Amino acid sequence: MRKTVTVFGATGTAGSACVEELIRQDVFDVQVLARKPGQAEKTSTGAVQPDEAKQKRYDDWKARGVGVRSVDATDHAELIEALDGTDYLVSCVSYYATESQYPLIWAAKEAGVERFVPSEFGFIYEMEQYWPTPTVHRTYARQKAFIRRMIELAGLDFTIVPAGLWPEYYMLEPVCVMGDGTQKFSWSTGSDAGRIITHVLAHPASRNAVCPVAATAYCSWNELLEIRETLLGRKVERNYMNAAQWKEAYAQQPPGLMKLVLGIGVAATECPEGLPLWAHWNRSFLPEFKGTPLEELFPAYIEPFVNATREALIAAGEIPA
């Protein structure tokens, strides 16, 4: 009997890729939770899609067999009803909307949901919550780790899918490199992170497990930037920064997206040697999964994302023009 997967935060980068892959994979029945128009929403970049664009996407999904349930995401009674019949609940809410998962946990318990996949598509927050330097990123790490405790307390199974660094957020020049550039990292663009969720969820080893993946690539900073330089036909300006330098840059940065990114750099450079923070779970359990080639990603997605991010940061006064 097919399981039903419900996706919350389905119109974001990871969420929409997750839904599309669920449709293509055709292993699960699929539905999404659609926020009712006018409800507050947080995104990683600050840009919110118009309701008309979301509705167009919902209509397209419905035409392809996806169930769309409109719900007040803060109303427990509505959430319980909307989750009726759901086996696996996948949360793809943005980093800044981590707290929106609390109502989902209680509603999932009441609706008889079997498994919850929280939005943890970055580091292994269970470990990172104990890193020494207090940053805004560590605060999110602690909240995400606490959410997992809530999932367990509710008696739900879980699947955690750490995906490492999202390269689109780190290519603004001068590129700040974590360490000397030789350590291998897990890299996952938002769309590849969304795609791999469905494959991890379908694997029996993912039940009540932490499954760190490299959905796009598993390589060093130097290897990644060499590919970018070849595609751009020029040198990419870069700064190699150790833990002390990341901490100094973080302390000097005013609040905003850049400070959050710098906080992640602090966490990465404080990672103890040998800790499997950048594990490659999919290599062992999902060898058939293929991420989007970097040669396609840079020109088609990453470079446009970097340009848009630069303009937004200039407009917000976070970086100089």
C-alpha atoms as a PDB file:
ATOM      1  CA  MET A   1       0.000   0.000   0.000  1.00  0.00           C
ATOM      2  CA  ARG A   2       1.397   3.384  -1.041  1.00  0.00           C
ATOM      3  CA  LYS A   3       2.283   5.893   1.632  1.00  0.00           C
ATOM      4  CA  THR A   4       1.083   9.490   1.428  1.00  0.00           C
ATOM      5  CA  VAL A   5       3.681  12.236   1.724  1.00  0.00           C
ATOM      6  CA  THR A   6       2.549  15.752   2.601  1.00  0.00           C
ATOM      7  CA  VAL A   7       4.911  18.681   2.010  1.00  0.00           C
ATOM      8  CA  PHE A   8       4.733  21.925   3.982  1.00  0.00           C
ATOM      9  CA  GLY A   9       6.585  24.932   2.576  1.00  0.00           C
ATOM     10  CA  ALA A  10       6.082  23.459  -0.869  1.00  0.00           C
ATOM     11  CA  THR A  11       6.512  26.595  -3.001  1.00  0.00           C
ATOM     12  CA  GLY A  12      10.074  27.392  -1.872  1.00  0.00           C
ATOM     13  CA  THR A  13      13.192  26.223  -3.670  1.00  0.00           C
ATOM     14  CA  ALA A  14      13.614  22.947  -1.778  1.00  0.00           C
ATOM     15  CA  GLY A  15       9.871  22.380  -1.330  1.00  0.00           C
ATOM     16  CA  SER A  16       8.951  22.733  -4.989  1.00  0.00           C
ATOM     17  CA  ALA A  17      11.857  20.487  -6.029  1.00  0.00           C
ATOM     18  CA  CYS A  18      10.707  17.933  -3.458  1.00  0.00           C
ATOM     19  CA  VAL A  19       7.157  17.901  -4.823  1.00  0.00           C
ATOM     20  CA  GLU A  20       8.355  17.641  -8.420  1.00  0.00           C
ATOM     21  CA  GLU A  21      10.629  14.718  -7.535  1.00  0.00           C
ATOM     22  CA  LEU A  22       7.830  12.977  -5.642  1.00  0.00           C
ATOM     23  CA  ILE A  23       5.668  13.228  -8.757  1.00  0.00           C
ATOM     24  CA  ARG A  24       8.459  11.964 -11.010  1.00  0.00           C
ATOM     25  CA  GLN A  25       9.490   9.205  -8.613  1.00  0.00           C
ATOM     26  CA  ASP A  26       5.897   7.920  -8.374  1.00  0.00           C
ATOM     27  CA  VAL A  27       6.520   5.935  -5.191  1.00  0.00           C
ATOM     28  CA  PHE A  28       4.243   7.916  -2.869  1.00  0.00           C
ATOM     29  CA  ASP A  29       0.882   9.628  -3.089  1.00  0.00           C
ATOM     30  CA  VAL A  30       1.530  13.348  -2.778  1.00  0.00           C
ATOM     31  CA  GLN A  31      -0.189  16.289  -1.214  1.00  0.00           C
ATOM     32  CA  VAL A  32       0.849  19.767  -0.107  1.00  0.00           C
ATOM     33  CA  LEU A  33      -0.315  22.161   2.559  1.00  0.00           C
ATOM     34  CA  ALA A  34      -1.091  25.578   1.103  1.00  0.00           C
ATOM     35  CA  ARG A  35      -1.136  28.536   3.474  1.00  0.00           C
ATOM     36  CA  LYS A  36      -4.302  30.547   3.233  1.00  0.00           C
ATOM     37  CA  PRO A  37      -3.732  33.899   1.462  1.00  0.00           C
ATOM     38  CA  GLY A  38      -2.551  36.714   3.676  1.00  0.00           C
ATOM     39  CA  GLN A  39      -0.757  34.590   6.267  1.00  0.00           C
ATOM     40  CA  ALA A  40       2.667  35.753   7.413  1.00  0.00           C
ATOM     41  CA  GLU A  41       5.520  33.996   5.660  1.00  0.00           C
ATOM     42  CA  LYS A  42       9.298  34.074   6.058  1.00  0.00           C
ATOM     43  CA  THR A  43      11.820  33.200   3.366  1.00  0.00           C
ATOM     44  CA  SER A  44      15.602  32.841   3.379  1.00  0.00           C
ATOM     45  CA  THR A  45      16.152  35.741   0.984  1.00  0.00           C
ATOM     46  CA  GLY A  46      13.271  37.922   2.199  1.00  0.00           C
ATOM     47  CA  ALA A  47      11.442  37.718  -1.127  1.00  0.00           C
ATOM     48  CA  VAL A  48       7.895  36.294  -0.920  1.00  0.00           C
ATOM     49  CA  GLN A  49       6.159  34.853  -3.970  1.00  0.00           C
ATOM     50  CA  PRO A  50       2.867  36.528  -4.959  1.00  0.00           C
ATOM     51  CA  ASP A  51      -0.269  34.530  -4.149  1.00  0.00           C
ATOM     52  CA  GLU A  52      -1.061  34.377  -7.876  1.00  0.00           C
ATOM     53  CA  ALA A  53       2.240  32.631  -8.638  1.00  0.00           C
ATOM     54  CA  LYS A  54       1.664  30.124  -5.867  1.00  0.00           C
ATOM     55  CA  GLN A  55      -1.874  29.415  -7.032  1.00  0.00           C
ATOM     56  CA  LYS A  56      -0.615  28.760 -10.550  1.00  0.00           C
ATOM     57  CA  ARG A  57       1.803  26.198  -9.140  1.00  0.00           C
ATOM     58  CA  TYR A  58      -0.897  24.573  -7.016  1.00  0.00           C
ATOM     59  CA  ASP A  59      -3.190  24.321 -10.050  1.00  0.00           C
ATOM     60  CA  ASP A  60      -0.415  22.665 -12.059  1.00  0.00           C
ATOM     61  CA  TRP A  61       0.249  20.150  -9.293  1.00  0.00           C
ATOM     62  CA  LYS A  62      -3.441  19.373  -8.893  1.00  0.00           C
ATOM     63  CA  ALA A  63      -3.649  18.668 -12.620  1.00  0.00           C
ATOM     64  CA  ARG A  64      -0.900  16.059 -12.095  1.00  0.00           C
ATOM     65  CA  GLY A  65      -2.613  14.305  -9.207  1.00  0.00           C
ATOM     66  CA  VAL A  66      -1.267  16.191  -6.183  1.00  0.00           C
ATOM     67  CA  GLY A  67      -3.718  16.933  -3.394  1.00  0.00           C
ATOM     68  CA  VAL A  68      -3.673  20.567  -2.272  1.00  0.00           C
ATOM     69  CA  ARG A  69      -5.128  21.377   1.136  1.00  0.00           C
ATOM     70  CA  SER A  70      -5.560  25.041   2.057  1.00  0.00           C
ATOM     71  CA  VAL A  71      -4.961  25.610   5.755  1.00  0.00           C
ATOM     72  CA  ASP A  72      -4.346  28.200   8.445  1.00  0.00           C
ATOM     73  CA  ALA A  73      -0.837  27.098   9.408  1.00  0.00           C
ATOM     74  CA  THR A  74      -1.326  28.388  12.958  1.00  0.00           C
ATOM     75  CA  ASP A  75      -4.669  26.662  13.631  1.00  0.00           C
ATOM     76  CA  HIS A  76      -4.246  23.229  15.210  1.00  0.00           C
ATOM     77  CA  ALA A  77      -7.756  22.059  14.345  1.00  0.00           C
ATOM     78  CA  GLU A  78      -7.313  22.935  10.672  1.00  0.00           C
ATOM     79  CA  LEU A  79      -3.852  21.361  10.563  1.00  0.00           C
ATOM     80  CA  ILE A  80      -5.117  18.116  12.103  1.00  0.00           C
ATOM     81  CA  GLU A  81      -7.875  17.873   9.506  1.00  0.00           C
ATOM     82  CA  ALA A  82      -5.519  18.755   6.662  1.00  0.00           C
ATOM     83  CA  LEU A  83      -3.017  16.077   7.751  1.00  0.00           C
ATOM     84  CA  ASP A  84      -5.599  13.319   7.969  1.00  0.00           C
ATOM     85  CA  GLY A  85      -4.378  10.404   5.858  1.00  0.00           C
ATOM     86  CA  THR A  86      -0.749  11.597   5.847  1.00  0.00           C
ATOM     87  CA  ASP A  87       1.923   8.978   6.530  1.00  0.00           C
ATOM     88  CA  TYR A  88       5.066  11.104   6.132  1.00  0.00           C
ATOM     89  CA  LEU A  89       5.131  14.872   6.716  1.00  0.00           C
ATOM     90  CA  VAL A  90       8.031  16.779   5.123  1.00  0.00           C
ATOM     91  CA  SER A  91       8.734  20.337   6.254  1.00  0.00           C
ATOM     92  CA  CYS A  92      10.606  22.504   3.764  1.00  0.00           C
ATOM     93  CA  VAL A  93      10.117  25.804   5.576  1.00  0.00           C
ATOM     94  CA  SER A  94      12.937  28.307   5.339  1.00  0.00           C
ATOM     95  CA  TYR A  95      15.657  28.792   7.915  1.00  0.00           C
ATOM     96  CA  TYR A  96      13.922  31.898   9.253  1.00  0.00           C
ATOM     97  CA  ALA A  97      10.607  30.055   9.695  1.00  0.00           C
ATOM     98  CA  THR A  98      11.924  27.234  11.873  1.00  0.00           C
ATOM     99  CA  GLU A  99       9.402  28.013  14.632  1.00  0.00           C
ATOM    100  CA  SER A 100       6.468  27.409  12.251  1.00  0.00           C
ATOM    101  CA  GLN A 101       7.076  23.663  12.703  1.00  0.00           C
ATOM    102  CA  TYR A 102       5.875  23.561  16.312  1.00  0.00           C
ATOM    103  CA  PRO A 103       2.138  23.538  15.433  1.00  0.00           C
ATOM    104  CA  LEU A 104       2.841  20.861  12.819  1.00  0.00           C
ATOM    105  CA  ILE A 105       4.263  18.449  15.395  1.00  0.00           C
ATOM    106  CA  TRP A 106       1.187  18.452  17.603  1.00  0.00           C
ATOM    107  CA  ALA A 107      -1.161  18.302  14.622  1.00  0.00           C
ATOM    108  CA  ALA A 108       0.831  15.411  13.123  1.00  0.00           C
ATOM    109  CA  LYS A 109       0.535  13.492  16.392  1.00  0.00           C
ATOM    110  CA  GLU A 110      -3.223  14.044  16.540  1.00  0.00           C
ATOM    111  CA  ALA A 111      -3.701  13.167  12.855  1.00  0.00           C
ATOM    112  CA  GLY A 112      -1.840   9.857  13.155  1.00  0.00           C
ATOM    113  CA  VAL A 113       1.141  10.838  11.022  1.00  0.00           C
ATOM    114  CA  GLU A 114       3.852   8.188  11.117  1.00  0.00           C
ATOM    115  CA  ARG A 115       7.012  10.153  10.368  1.00  0.00           C
ATOM    116  CA  PHE A 116       8.123  13.792  10.424  1.00  0.00           C
ATOM    117  CA  VAL A 117      10.969  15.179   8.298  1.00  0.00           C
ATOM    118  CA  PRO A 118      11.872  18.565   9.839  1.00  0.00           C
ATOM    119  CA  SER A 119      13.624  21.312   7.938  1.00  0.00           C
ATOM    120  CA  GLU A 120      17.244  20.475   8.758  1.00  0.00           C
ATOM    121  CA  PHE A 121      18.824  20.637   5.318  1.00  0.00           C
ATOM    122  CA  GLY A 122      22.114  22.220   6.368  1.00  0.00           C
ATOM    123  CA  PHE A 123      24.485  21.135   9.122  1.00  0.00           C
ATOM    124  CA  ILE A 124      24.094  18.366  11.693  1.00  0.00           C
ATOM    125  CA  TYR A 125      22.446  20.641  14.219  1.00  0.00           C
ATOM    126  CA  GLU A 126      22.302  17.989  16.949  1.00  0.00           C
ATOM    127  CA  MET A 127      26.076  18.319  17.183  1.00  0.00           C
ATOM    128  CA  GLU A 128      26.455  21.950  16.205  1.00  0.00           C
ATOM    129  CA  GLN A 129      24.219  23.244  18.996  1.00  0.00           C
ATOM    130  CA  TYR A 130      27.209  22.649  21.318  1.00  0.00           C
ATOM    131  CA  TRP A 131      29.791  24.592  19.274  1.00  0.00           C
ATOM    132  CA  PRO A 132      31.612  27.176  21.448  1.00  0.00           C
ATOM    133  CA  THR A 133      30.847  30.503  19.755  1.00  0.00           C
ATOM    134  CA  PRO A 134      27.387  32.020  20.304  1.00  0.00           C
ATOM    135  CA  THR A 135      26.085  33.169  16.916  1.00  0.00           C
ATOM    136  CA  VAL A 136      22.635  33.641  15.463  1.00  0.00           C
ATOM    137  CA  HIS A 137      23.261  30.433  13.542  1.00  0.00           C
ATOM    138  CA  ARG A 138      23.981  28.476  16.714  1.00  0.00           C
ATOM    139  CA  THR A 139      20.670  29.752  18.103  1.00  0.00           C
ATOM    140  CA  TYR A 140      18.878  28.245  15.097  1.00  0.00           C
ATOM    141  CA  ALA A 141      20.862  25.041  15.546  1.00  0.00           C
ATOM    142  CA  ARG A 142      19.656  24.745  19.132  1.00  0.00           C
ATOM    143  CA  GLN A 143      16.079  25.410  18.087  1.00  0.00           C
ATOM    144  CA  LYS A 144      16.244  22.749  15.378  1.00  0.00           C
ATOM    145  CA  ALA A 145      17.709  20.241  17.831  1.00  0.00           C
ATOM    146  CA  PHE A 146      14.921  21.098  20.288  1.00  0.00           C
ATOM    147  CA  ILE A 147      12.319  20.536  17.567  1.00  0.00           C
ATOM    148  CA  ARG A 148      13.638  17.010  17.127  1.00  0.00           C
ATOM    149  CA  ARG A 149      13.124  16.439  20.862  1.00  0.00           C
ATOM    150  CA  MET A 150       9.519  17.578  20.389  1.00  0.00           C
ATOM    151  CA  ILE A 151       9.064  15.137  17.506  1.00  0.00           C
ATOM    152  CA  GLU A 152      10.354  12.289  19.647  1.00  0.00           C
ATOM    153  CA  LEU A 153       8.204  13.385  22.590  1.00  0.00           C
ATOM    154  CA  ALA A 154       5.162  13.274  20.316  1.00  0.00           C
ATOM    155  CA  GLY A 155       5.961   9.645  19.521  1.00  0.00           C
ATOM    156  CA  LEU A 156       6.667  10.289  15.836  1.00  0.00           C
ATOM    157  CA  ASP A 157       9.387   8.683  13.778  1.00  0.00           C
ATOM    158  CA  PHE A 158      11.822  11.116  12.164  1.00  0.00           C
ATOM    159  CA  THR A 159      14.231  11.402   9.278  1.00  0.00           C
ATOM    160  CA  ILE A 160      16.923  14.099   9.397  1.00  0.00           C
ATOM    161  CA  VAL A 161      18.570  15.084   6.092  1.00  0.00           C
ATOM    162  CA  PRO A 162      21.592  17.375   6.656  1.00  0.00           C
ATOM    163  CA  ALA A 163      22.732  18.573   3.224  1.00  0.00           C
ATOM    164  CA  GLY A 164      25.848  20.604   4.009  1.00  0.00           C
ATOM    165  CA  LEU A 165      26.421  23.977   2.380  1.00  0.00           C
ATOM    166  CA  TRP A 166      24.128  25.488  -0.242  1.00  0.00           C
ATOM    167  CA  PRO A 167      26.743  26.870  -2.696  1.00  0.00           C
ATOM    168  CA  GLU A 168      24.491  29.611  -4.069  1.00  0.00           C
ATOM    169  CA  TYR A 169      24.826  31.494  -0.755  1.00  0.00           C
ATOM    170  CA  TYR A 170      28.646  31.465  -0.704  1.00  0.00           C
ATOM    171  CA  MET A 171      29.752  32.596  -4.164  1.00  0.00           C
ATOM    172  CA  LEU A 172      29.499  36.352  -3.638  1.00  0.00           C
ATOM    173  CA  GLU A 173      32.966  37.766  -4.301  1.00  0.00           C
ATOM    174  CA  PRO A 174      35.326  37.973  -2.662  1.00  0.00           C
ATOM    175  CA  VAL A 175      34.374  34.397  -1.800  1.00  0.00           C
ATOM    176  CA  CYS A 176      35.081  33.674   1.861  1.00  0.00           C
ATOM    177  CA  VAL A 177      36.594  30.200   2.011  1.00  0.00           C
ATOM    178  CA  MET A 178      36.296  28.116   5.177  1.00  0.00           C
ATOM    179  CA  GLY A 179      39.818  27.093   6.126  1.00  0.00           C
ATOM    180  CA  ASP A 180      42.569  26.474   3.574  1.00  0.00           C
ATOM    181  CA  GLY A 181      40.237  25.240   0.840  1.00  0.00           C
ATOM    182  CA  THR A 182      41.378  21.609   0.862  1.00  0.00           C
ATOM    183  CA  GLN A 183      38.818  20.014   3.209  1.00  0.00           C
ATOM    184  CA  LYS A 184      35.981  18.228   1.435  1.00  0.00           C
ATOM    185  CA  PHE A 185      32.466  19.520   2.068  1.00  0.00           C
ATOM    186  CA  SER A 186      28.999  18.323   1.233  1.00  0.00           C
ATOM    187  CA  TRP A 187      27.396  20.734  -1.251  1.00  0.00           C
ATOM    188  CA  SER A 188      23.677  20.767  -2.003  1.00  0.00           C
ATOM    189  CA  THR A 189      21.829  23.449  -3.928  1.00  0.00           C
ATOM    190  CA  GLY A 190      18.329  24.100  -2.668  1.00  0.00           C
ATOM    191  CA  SER A 191      16.774  22.216  -5.551  1.00  0.00           C
ATOM    192  CA  ASP A 192      19.022  19.154  -5.221  1.00  0.00           C
ATOM    193  CA  ALA A 193      18.393  19.117  -1.467  1.00  0.00           C
ATOM    194  CA  GLY A 194      14.668  19.025  -2.202  1.00  0.00           C
ATOM    195  CA  ARG A 195      15.073  16.278  -4.783  1.00  0.00           C
ATOM    196  CA  ILE A 196      17.103  13.963  -2.570  1.00  0.00           C
ATOM    197  CA  ILE A 197      14.608  14.133   0.311  1.00  0.00           C
ATOM    198  CA  THR A 198      12.220  11.840  -1.537  1.00  0.00           C
ATOM    199  CA  HIS A 199      14.912   9.207  -2.168  1.00  0.00           C
ATOM    200  CA  VAL A 200      16.134   9.283   1.432  1.00  0.00           C
ATOM    201  CA  LEU A 201      12.557   8.946   2.676  1.00  0.00           C
ATOM    202  CA  ALA A 202      11.945   5.891   0.492  1.00  0.00           C
ATOM    203  CA  HIS A 203      15.015   4.077   1.836  1.00  0.00           C
ATOM    204  CA  PRO A 204      14.408   1.783   4.847  1.00  0.00           C
ATOM    205  CA  ALA A 205      17.634   2.933   6.521  1.00  0.00           C
ATOM    206  CA  SER A 206      16.216   6.453   6.910  1.00  0.00           C
ATOM    207  CA  ARG A 207      13.714   5.650   9.670  1.00  0.00           C
ATOM    208  CA  ASN A 208      14.722   7.368  12.923  1.00  0.00           C
ATOM    209  CA  ALA A 209      18.063   8.199  11.351  1.00  0.00           C
ATOM    210  CA  VAL A 210      20.308  11.143  10.573  1.00  0.00           C
ATOM    211  CA  CYS A 211      21.196  10.910   6.880  1.00  0.00           C
ATOM    212  CA  PRO A 212      23.830  13.513   5.915  1.00  0.00           C
ATOM    213  CA  VAL A 213      23.978  13.863   2.138  1.00  0.00           C
ATOM    214  CA  ALA A 214      25.943  15.611  -0.568  1.00  0.00           C
ATOM    215  CA  ALA A 215      23.079  16.079  -2.999  1.00  0.00           C
ATOM    216  CA  THR A 216      25.042  18.143  -5.536  1.00  0.00           C
ATOM    217  CA  ALA A 217      28.751  17.490  -4.992  1.00  0.00           C
ATOM    218  CA  TYR A 218      31.288  16.264  -2.460  1.00  0.00           C
ATOM    219  CA  CYS A 219      34.451  18.256  -3.015  1.00  0.00           C
ATOM    220  CA  SER A 220      36.747  20.895  -1.547  1.00  0.00           C
ATOM    221  CA  TRP A 221      36.334  24.652  -1.846  1.00  0.00           C
ATOM    222  CA  ASN A 222      39.328  24.752  -4.180  1.00  0.00           C
ATOM    223  CA  GLU A 223      37.832  22.122  -6.485  1.00  0.00           C
ATOM    224  CA  LEU A 224      34.470  23.913  -6.522  1.00  0.00           C
ATOM    225  CA  LEU A 225      35.991  27.316  -7.304  1.00  0.00           C
ATOM    226  CA  GLU A 226      38.252  25.873  -9.994  1.00  0.00           C
ATOM    227  CA  ILE A 227      35.145  24.651 -11.833  1.00  0.00           C
ATOM    228  CA  ARG A 228      33.564  28.088 -11.445  1.00  0.00           C
ATOM    229  CA  GLU A 229      36.697  29.821 -12.745  1.00  0.00           C
ATOM    230  CA  THR A 230      36.779  27.574 -15.812  1.00  0.00           C
ATOM    231  CA  LEU A 231      33.157  28.408 -16.581  1.00  0.00           C
ATOM    232  CA  LEU A 232      33.602  32.153 -15.993  1.00  0.00           C
ATOM    233  CA  GLY A 233      36.910  32.287 -17.853  1.00  0.00           C
ATOM    234  CA  ARG A 234      38.535  34.329 -15.083  1.00  0.00           C
ATOM    235  CA  LYS A 235      39.897  34.110 -11.571  1.00  0.00           C
ATOM    236  CA  VAL A 236      37.387  34.174  -8.739  1.00  0.00           C
ATOM    237  CA  GLU A 237      38.411  36.581  -5.991  1.00  0.00           C
ATOM    238  CA  ARG A 238      38.624  34.703  -2.699  1.00  0.00           C
ATOM    239  CA  ASN A 239      39.693  35.088   0.924  1.00  0.00           C
ATOM    240  CA  TYR A 240      40.906  32.072   2.891  1.00  0.00           C
ATOM    241  CA  MET A 241      39.740  32.516   6.485  1.00  0.00           C
ATOM    242  CA  ASN A 242      40.417  30.526   9.634  1.00  0.00           C
ATOM    243  CA  ALA A 243      38.095  30.271  12.628  1.00  0.00           C
ATOM    244  CA  ALA A 244      39.397  33.460  14.276  1.00  0.00           C
ATOM    245  CA  GLN A 245      38.926  35.462  11.070  1.00  0.00           C
ATOM    246  CA  TRP A 246      35.374  34.155  10.579  1.00  0.00           C
ATOM    247  CA  LYS A 247      34.546  35.128  14.163  1.00  0.00           C
ATOM    248  CA  GLU A 248      35.965  38.621  13.648  1.00  0.00           C
ATOM    249  CA  ALA A 249      34.016  39.098  10.401  1.00  0.00           C
ATOM    250  CA  TYR A 250      30.858  37.873  12.103  1.00  0.00           C
ATOM    251  CA  ALA A 251      31.278  40.285  15.025  1.00  0.00           C
ATOM    252  CA  GLN A 252      31.684  43.260  12.666  1.00  0.00           C
ATOM    253  CA  GLN A 253      28.710  42.437  10.408  1.00  0.00           C
ATOM    254  CA  PRO A 254      25.360  44.142  11.166  1.00  0.00           C
ATOM    255  CA  PRO A 255      22.228  41.937  11.499  1.00  0.00           C
ATOM    256  CA  GLY A 256      20.879  40.451   8.277  1.00  0.00           C
ATOM    257  CA  LEU A 257      21.455  37.660   5.795  1.00  0.00           C
ATOM    258  CA  MET A 258      25.224  38.213   5.596  1.00  0.00           C
ATOM    259  CA  LYS A 259      25.590  37.886   9.363  1.00  0.00           C
ATOM    260  CA  LEU A 260      23.733  34.583   9.242  1.00  0.00           C
ATOM    261  CA  VAL A 261      26.009  33.318   6.452  1.00  0.00           C
ATOM    262  CA  LEU A 262      29.062  34.402   8.422  1.00  0.00           C
ATOM    263  CA  GLY A 263      27.692  32.573  11.471  1.00  0.00           C
ATOM    264  CA  ILE A 264      27.580  29.401   9.413  1.00  0.00           C
ATOM    265  CA  GLY A 265      31.221  29.989   8.496  1.00  0.00           C
ATOM    266  CA  VAL A 266      32.103  30.280  12.169  1.00  0.00           C
ATOM    267  CA  ALA A 267      30.392  26.956  12.826  1.00  0.00           C
ATOM    268  CA  ALA A 268      32.123  25.212   9.903  1.00  0.00           C
ATOM    269  CA  THR A 269      35.597  26.348  10.946  1.00  0.00           C
ATOM    270  CA  GLU A 270      34.964  25.320  14.563  1.00  0.00           C
ATOM    271  CA  CYS A 271      34.072  21.776  13.531  1.00  0.00           C
ATOM    272  CA  PRO A 272      36.448  19.402  15.361  1.00  0.00           C
ATOM    273  CA  GLU A 273      38.855  17.511  13.133  1.00  0.00           C
ATOM    274  CA  GLY A 274      37.422  14.154  12.075  1.00  0.00           C
ATOM    275  CA  LEU A 275      33.833  14.863  13.117  1.00  0.00           C
ATOM    276  CA  PRO A 276      31.535  13.456  10.356  1.00  0.00           C
ATOM    277  CA  LEU A 277      29.774  16.793   9.840  1.00  0.00           C
ATOM    278  CA  TRP A 278      30.165  16.529   6.088  1.00  0.00           C
ATOM    279  CA  ALA A 279      29.267  12.858   5.696  1.00  0.00           C
ATOM    280  CA  HIS A 280      28.174  11.418   2.347  1.00  0.00           C
ATOM    281  CA  TRP A 281      25.210   9.161   3.221  1.00  0.00           C
ATOM    282  CA  ASN A 282      23.857   9.029  -0.309  1.00  0.00           C
ATOM    283  CA  ARG A 283      27.089   7.521  -1.633  1.00  0.00           C
ATOM    284  CA  SER A 284      26.477   4.450   0.530  1.00  0.00           C
ATOM    285  CA  PHE A 285      22.692   4.172   0.362  1.00  0.00           C
ATOM    286  CA  LEU A 286      21.628   6.026  -2.803  1.00  0.00           C
ATOM    287  CA  PRO A 287      24.380   5.450  -5.371  1.00  0.00           C
ATOM    288  CA  GLU A 288      21.858   5.844  -8.194  1.00  0.00           C
ATOM    289  CA  PHE A 289      20.981   9.410  -7.193  1.00  0.00           C
ATOM    290  CA  LYS A 290      22.678  12.045  -9.337  1.00  0.00           C
ATOM    291  CA  GLY A 291      22.892  15.706  -8.409  1.00  0.00           C
ATOM    292  CA  THR A 292      22.723  18.459 -11.003  1.00  0.00           C
ATOM    293  CA  PRO A 293      26.188  18.843 -12.639  1.00  0.00           C
ATOM    294  CA  LEU A 294      28.059  21.933 -11.471  1.00  0.00           C
ATOM    295  CA  GLU A 295      28.758  22.801 -15.089  1.00  0.00           C
ATOM    296  CA  GLU A 296      24.992  23.312 -15.497  1.00  0.00           C
ATOM    297  CA  LEU A 297      24.282  24.793 -12.098  1.00  0.00           C
ATOM    298  CA  PHE A 298      26.714  27.684 -12.189  1.00  0.00           C
ATOM    299  CA  PRO A 299      25.489  29.412 -15.373  1.00  0.00           C
ATOM    300  CA  ALA A 300      21.820  28.428 -15.081  1.00  0.00           C
ATOM    301  CA  TYR A 301      21.199  28.974 -11.375  1.00  0.00           C
ATOM    302  CA  ILE A 302      24.094  29.923  -9.099  1.00  0.00           C
ATOM    303  CA  GLU A 303      25.404  32.970 -10.988  1.00  0.00           C
ATOM    304  CA  PRO A 304      21.905  34.516 -11.401  1.00  0.00           C
ATOM    305  CA  PHE A 305      21.250  33.807  -7.712  1.00  0.00           C
ATOM    306  CA  VAL A 306      24.514  35.522  -6.734  1.00  0.00           C
ATOM    307  CA  ASN A 307      23.700  38.584  -8.843  1.00  0.00           C
ATOM    308  CA  ALA A 308      20.209  38.877  -7.344  1.00  0.00           C
ATOM    309  CA  THR A 309      21.592  38.426  -3.832  1.00  0.00           C
ATOM    310  CA  ARG A 310      24.205  41.126  -4.394  1.00  0.00           C
ATOM    311  CA  GLU A 311      21.542  43.603  -5.512  1.00  0.00           C
ATOM    312  CA  ALA A 312      19.320  42.748  -2.523  1.00  0.00           C
ATOM    313  CA  LEU A 313      22.196  43.148  -0.044  1.00  0.00           C
ATOM    314  CA  ILE A 314      23.179  46.491  -1.546  1.00  0.00           C
ATOM    315  CA  ALA A 315      19.584  47.671  -1.340  1.00  0.00           C
ATOM    316  CA  ALA A 316      19.418  46.561   2.315  1.00  0.00           C
ATOM    317  CA  GLY A 317      22.680  48.349   3.115  1.00  0.00           C
ATOM    318  CA  GLU A 318      24.424  45.126   4.192  1.00  0.00           C
ATOM    319  CA  ILE A 319      27.233  45.495   1.650  1.00  0.00           C
ATOM    320  CA  PRO A 320      28.580  48.524  -0.247  1.00  0.00           C
ATOM    321  CA  ALA A 321      27.563  49.161  -3.853  1.00  0.00           C
END
